[in-house]
C-alpha atoms as a PDB file:
ATOM      1  CA  UNK A   1      -9.556   0.877 -26.706  1.00  0.00           C
ATOM      2  CA  UNK A   2     -10.947  -0.146 -23.324  1.00  0.00           C
ATOM      3  CA  UNK A   3     -14.615  -0.038 -22.348  1.00  0.00           C
ATOM      4  CA  UNK A   4     -15.526   1.544 -18.998  1.00  0.00           C
ATOM      5  CA  UNK A   5     -17.964  -0.351 -16.804  1.00  0.00           C
ATOM      6  CA  UNK A   6     -20.983   1.786 -15.929  1.00  0.00           C
ATOM      7  CA  UNK A   7     -23.875   1.077 -13.625  1.00  0.00           C
ATOM      8  CA  UNK A   8     -26.474  -0.860 -15.584  1.00  0.00           C
ATOM      9  CA  UNK A   9     -23.990  -1.965 -18.242  1.00  0.00           C
ATOM     10  CA  UNK A  10     -24.112  -5.677 -17.382  1.00  0.00           C
ATOM     11  CA  UNK A  11     -26.725  -6.315 -20.083  1.00  0.00           C
ATOM     12  CA  UNK A  12     -24.421  -4.597 -22.554  1.00  0.00           C
ATOM     13  CA  UNK A  13     -21.483  -6.755 -21.433  1.00  0.00           C
ATOM     14  CA  UNK A  14     -23.623  -9.912 -21.465  1.00  0.00           C
ATOM     15  CA  UNK A  15     -24.470  -9.333 -25.117  1.00  0.00           C
ATOM     16  CA  UNK A  16     -21.202  -7.881 -26.419  1.00  0.00           C
ATOM     17  CA  UNK A  17     -19.783  -9.735 -29.392  1.00  0.00           C
ATOM     18  CA  UNK A  18     -16.562  -9.424 -31.192  1.00  0.00           C
ATOM     19  CA  UNK A  19     -13.155 -10.503 -30.097  1.00  0.00           C
ATOM     20  CA  UNK A  20     -11.039  -9.472 -27.144  1.00  0.00           C
ATOM     21  CA  UNK A  21     -12.437  -6.463 -25.269  1.00  0.00           C
ATOM     22  CA  UNK A  22     -10.548  -4.723 -22.425  1.00  0.00           C
ATOM     23  CA  UNK A  23     -12.920  -3.631 -19.649  1.00  0.00           C
ATOM     24  CA  UNK A  24     -11.781  -0.836 -17.323  1.00  0.00           C
ATOM     25  CA  UNK A  25     -12.872  -1.456 -13.764  1.00  0.00           C
ATOM     26  CA  UNK A  26     -14.160  -4.402 -11.855  1.00  0.00           C
ATOM     27  CA  UNK A  27     -17.098  -6.509 -12.949  1.00  0.00           C
ATOM     28  CA  UNK A  28     -19.511  -8.300 -10.647  1.00  0.00           C
ATOM     29  CA  UNK A  29     -18.927 -11.694 -12.232  1.00  0.00           C
ATOM     30  CA  UNK A  30     -21.895 -13.387 -10.531  1.00  0.00           C
ATOM     31  CA  UNK A  31     -24.250 -10.622 -11.665  1.00  0.00           C
ATOM     32  CA  UNK A  32     -22.793 -10.793 -15.179  1.00  0.00           C
ATOM     33  CA  UNK A  33     -23.291 -14.560 -15.219  1.00  0.00           C
ATOM     34  CA  UNK A  34     -26.936 -14.045 -14.241  1.00  0.00           C
ATOM     35  CA  UNK A  35     -27.358 -11.544 -17.100  1.00  0.00           C
ATOM     36  CA  UNK A  36     -25.721 -13.994 -19.520  1.00  0.00           C
ATOM     37  CA  UNK A  37     -28.122 -16.702 -18.328  1.00  0.00           C
ATOM     38  CA  UNK A  38     -31.040 -14.328 -18.915  1.00  0.00           C
ATOM     39  CA  UNK A  39     -29.802 -13.815 -22.484  1.00  0.00           C
ATOM     40  CA  UNK A  40     -29.240 -17.542 -23.013  1.00  0.00           C
ATOM     41  CA  UNK A  41     -25.490 -17.068 -23.335  1.00  0.00           C
ATOM     42  CA  UNK A  42     -22.921 -19.384 -21.757  1.00  0.00           C
ATOM     43  CA  UNK A  43     -20.210 -17.667 -19.737  1.00  0.00           C
ATOM     44  CA  UNK A  44     -17.042 -18.912 -18.148  1.00  0.00           C
ATOM     45  CA  UNK A  45     -14.453 -17.320 -15.912  1.00  0.00           C
ATOM     46  CA  UNK A  46     -10.753 -17.643 -16.619  1.00  0.00           C
ATOM     47  CA  UNK A  47      -8.624 -16.544 -13.660  1.00  0.00           C
ATOM     48  CA  UNK A  48      -4.913 -16.289 -14.356  1.00  0.00           C
ATOM     49  CA  UNK A  49      -3.962 -14.168 -11.337  1.00  0.00           C
ATOM     50  CA  UNK A  50      -1.515 -16.835 -10.134  1.00  0.00           C
ATOM     51  CA  UNK A  51      -0.112 -17.755 -13.561  1.00  0.00           C
ATOM     52  CA  UNK A  52       3.658 -17.494 -13.864  1.00  0.00           C
ATOM     53  CA  UNK A  53       4.302 -19.147 -17.212  1.00  0.00           C
ATOM     54  CA  UNK A  54       3.034 -21.413 -19.952  1.00  0.00           C
ATOM     55  CA  UNK A  55       2.536 -24.505 -17.768  1.00  0.00           C
ATOM     56  CA  UNK A  56       0.341 -22.771 -15.183  1.00  0.00           C
ATOM     57  CA  UNK A  57      -1.468 -20.895 -17.967  1.00  0.00           C
ATOM     58  CA  UNK A  58      -2.366 -24.157 -19.717  1.00  0.00           C
ATOM     59  CA  UNK A  59      -3.565 -25.579 -16.401  1.00  0.00           C
ATOM     60  CA  UNK A  60      -5.802 -22.541 -15.788  1.00  0.00           C
ATOM     61  CA  UNK A  61      -7.197 -22.550 -19.335  1.00  0.00           C
ATOM     62  CA  UNK A  62      -7.732 -26.314 -19.293  1.00  0.00           C
ATOM     63  CA  UNK A  63      -9.656 -26.083 -16.039  1.00  0.00           C
ATOM     64  CA  UNK A  64     -11.729 -23.002 -16.985  1.00  0.00           C
ATOM     65  CA  UNK A  65     -12.742 -24.444 -20.359  1.00  0.00           C
ATOM     66  CA  UNK A  66     -13.036 -28.029 -19.060  1.00  0.00           C
ATOM     67  CA  UNK A  67     -10.798 -29.130 -21.916  1.00  0.00           C
ATOM     68  CA  UNK A  68     -10.634 -32.828 -22.774  1.00  0.00           C
ATOM     69  CA  UNK A  69      -7.982 -35.197 -21.496  1.00  0.00           C
ATOM     70  CA  UNK A  70      -6.215 -35.196 -24.867  1.00  0.00           C
ATOM     71  CA  UNK A  71      -5.500 -31.447 -24.551  1.00  0.00           C
ATOM     72  CA  UNK A  72      -1.774 -31.387 -25.286  1.00  0.00           C
ATOM     73  CA  UNK A  73      -0.952 -28.099 -23.542  1.00  0.00           C
ATOM     74  CA  UNK A  74       0.537 -26.620 -26.687  1.00  0.00           C
ATOM     75  CA  UNK A  75      -0.578 -23.468 -28.508  1.00  0.00           C
ATOM     76  CA  UNK A  76      -1.820 -25.552 -31.443  1.00  0.00           C
ATOM     77  CA  UNK A  77      -3.749 -27.900 -29.172  1.00  0.00           C
ATOM     78  CA  UNK A  78      -5.298 -24.939 -27.353  1.00  0.00           C
ATOM     79  CA  UNK A  79      -6.486 -23.410 -30.634  1.00  0.00           C
ATOM     80  CA  UNK A  80      -7.907 -26.766 -31.707  1.00  0.00           C
ATOM     81  CA  UNK A  81      -9.771 -27.245 -28.415  1.00  0.00           C
ATOM     82  CA  UNK A  82     -11.194 -23.708 -28.494  1.00  0.00           C
ATOM     83  CA  UNK A  83     -12.714 -24.480 -31.883  1.00  0.00           C
ATOM     84  CA  UNK A  84     -15.070 -26.841 -30.025  1.00  0.00           C
ATOM     85  CA  UNK A  85     -16.253 -24.151 -27.569  1.00  0.00           C
ATOM     86  CA  UNK A  86     -19.640 -22.700 -28.596  1.00  0.00           C
ATOM     87  CA  UNK A  87     -19.006 -19.413 -30.419  1.00  0.00           C
ATOM     88  CA  UNK A  88     -21.556 -17.529 -28.310  1.00  0.00           C
ATOM     89  CA  UNK A  89     -19.601 -18.282 -25.097  1.00  0.00           C
ATOM     90  CA  UNK A  90     -18.528 -15.163 -23.217  1.00  0.00           C
ATOM     91  CA  UNK A  91     -15.132 -15.583 -21.582  1.00  0.00           C
ATOM     92  CA  UNK A  92     -14.465 -13.309 -18.610  1.00  0.00           C
ATOM     93  CA  UNK A  93     -10.706 -13.201 -18.071  1.00  0.00           C
ATOM     94  CA  UNK A  94      -9.562 -11.928 -14.696  1.00  0.00           C
ATOM     95  CA  UNK A  95      -5.936 -11.802 -13.650  1.00  0.00           C
ATOM     96  CA  UNK A  96      -4.657 -11.173 -17.142  1.00  0.00           C
ATOM     97  CA  UNK A  97      -2.708  -8.053 -16.097  1.00  0.00           C
ATOM     98  CA  UNK A  98      -0.807 -10.059 -13.451  1.00  0.00           C
ATOM     99  CA  UNK A  99      -0.151 -12.721 -16.062  1.00  0.00           C
ATOM    100  CA  UNK A 100       1.031 -10.101 -18.546  1.00  0.00           C
ATOM    101  CA  UNK A 101       3.605  -8.908 -16.017  1.00  0.00           C
ATOM    102  CA  UNK A 102       4.756 -12.457 -15.180  1.00  0.00           C
ATOM    103  CA  UNK A 103       4.590 -13.948 -18.683  1.00  0.00           C
ATOM    104  CA  UNK A 104       4.209 -11.228 -21.342  1.00  0.00           C
ATOM    105  CA  UNK A 105       4.893 -13.409 -24.394  1.00  0.00           C
ATOM    106  CA  UNK A 106       2.495 -16.133 -23.270  1.00  0.00           C
ATOM    107  CA  UNK A 107      -0.157 -13.465 -22.640  1.00  0.00           C
ATOM    108  CA  UNK A 108       0.288 -12.096 -26.160  1.00  0.00           C
ATOM    109  CA  UNK A 109       0.041 -15.585 -27.647  1.00  0.00           C
ATOM    110  CA  UNK A 110      -3.113 -16.587 -25.785  1.00  0.00           C
ATOM    111  CA  UNK A 111      -4.769 -13.249 -26.656  1.00  0.00           C
ATOM    112  CA  UNK A 112      -3.962 -13.931 -30.327  1.00  0.00           C
ATOM    113  CA  UNK A 113      -5.424 -17.435 -30.042  1.00  0.00           C
ATOM    114  CA  UNK A 114      -8.565 -16.087 -28.363  1.00  0.00           C
ATOM    115  CA  UNK A 115      -8.927 -13.404 -31.048  1.00  0.00           C
ATOM    116  CA  UNK A 116      -8.676 -16.020 -33.799  1.00  0.00           C
ATOM    117  CA  UNK A 117     -11.094 -18.400 -32.023  1.00  0.00           C
ATOM    118  CA  UNK A 118     -14.173 -16.277 -32.628  1.00  0.00           C
ATOM    119  CA  UNK A 119     -14.992 -16.201 -28.907  1.00  0.00           C
ATOM    120  CA  UNK A 120     -15.750 -12.958 -27.107  1.00  0.00           C
ATOM    121  CA  UNK A 121     -13.265 -12.385 -24.298  1.00  0.00           C
ATOM    122  CA  UNK A 122     -13.634  -9.618 -21.724  1.00  0.00           C
ATOM    123  CA  UNK A 123     -10.305  -8.597 -20.195  1.00  0.00           C
ATOM    124  CA  UNK A 124     -11.660  -7.306 -16.903  1.00  0.00           C
ATOM    125  CA  UNK A 125      -9.832  -4.811 -14.686  1.00  0.00           C
ATOM    126  CA  UNK A 126      -7.991  -3.308 -17.653  1.00  0.00           C
ATOM    127  CA  UNK A 127      -5.874  -0.264 -16.818  1.00  0.00           C
ATOM    128  CA  UNK A 128      -7.075   3.161 -17.932  1.00  0.00           C
ATOM    129  CA  UNK A 129      -5.364   4.374 -21.115  1.00  0.00           C
ATOM    130  CA  UNK A 130      -1.870   5.447 -20.154  1.00  0.00           C
ATOM    131  CA  UNK A 131      -1.849   3.386 -16.943  1.00  0.00           C
ATOM    132  CA  UNK A 132       0.213   0.571 -18.520  1.00  0.00           C
END
C-alpha cells in the first residue's frame, strides 16, 4: 500500500521506520533532508532514473551509498555492504519506476535486499493504486 504525500507530512516521512515504503507523489528532497537533519537522521538519495540493467544499477547504488572500493557489484556484496550502513538511514529512491520498466528483475532483487537490510527506503513518485 502506498502512502500519499500531504502538505506538512515531511516530518512524518523523516521519521518513518520500517522497510520499503511506496510514496505517491513527488517529495521535496531538499526539504525532507532538512527535516531528517532536524531529527538527527541520516538521509541519502538514490536516483536510478537512467538505470538500464544490473551494471548501471550497481554504479548508482555504489555512488549513492559511497560503498567501499571492495564492493564487488554482486547481489551478495551489495547485501554485505548495506549491513554497514547505519540502520536509522533513510533512503529516498527516485527513478525506481523507470528502472522497474527497464530492468524489472533487478528492481525486484534490490527491493528484496533493501527490505532485508533493515533500512527504511521511500520509493518516491509511486503510481496510484491501479496505475501500474
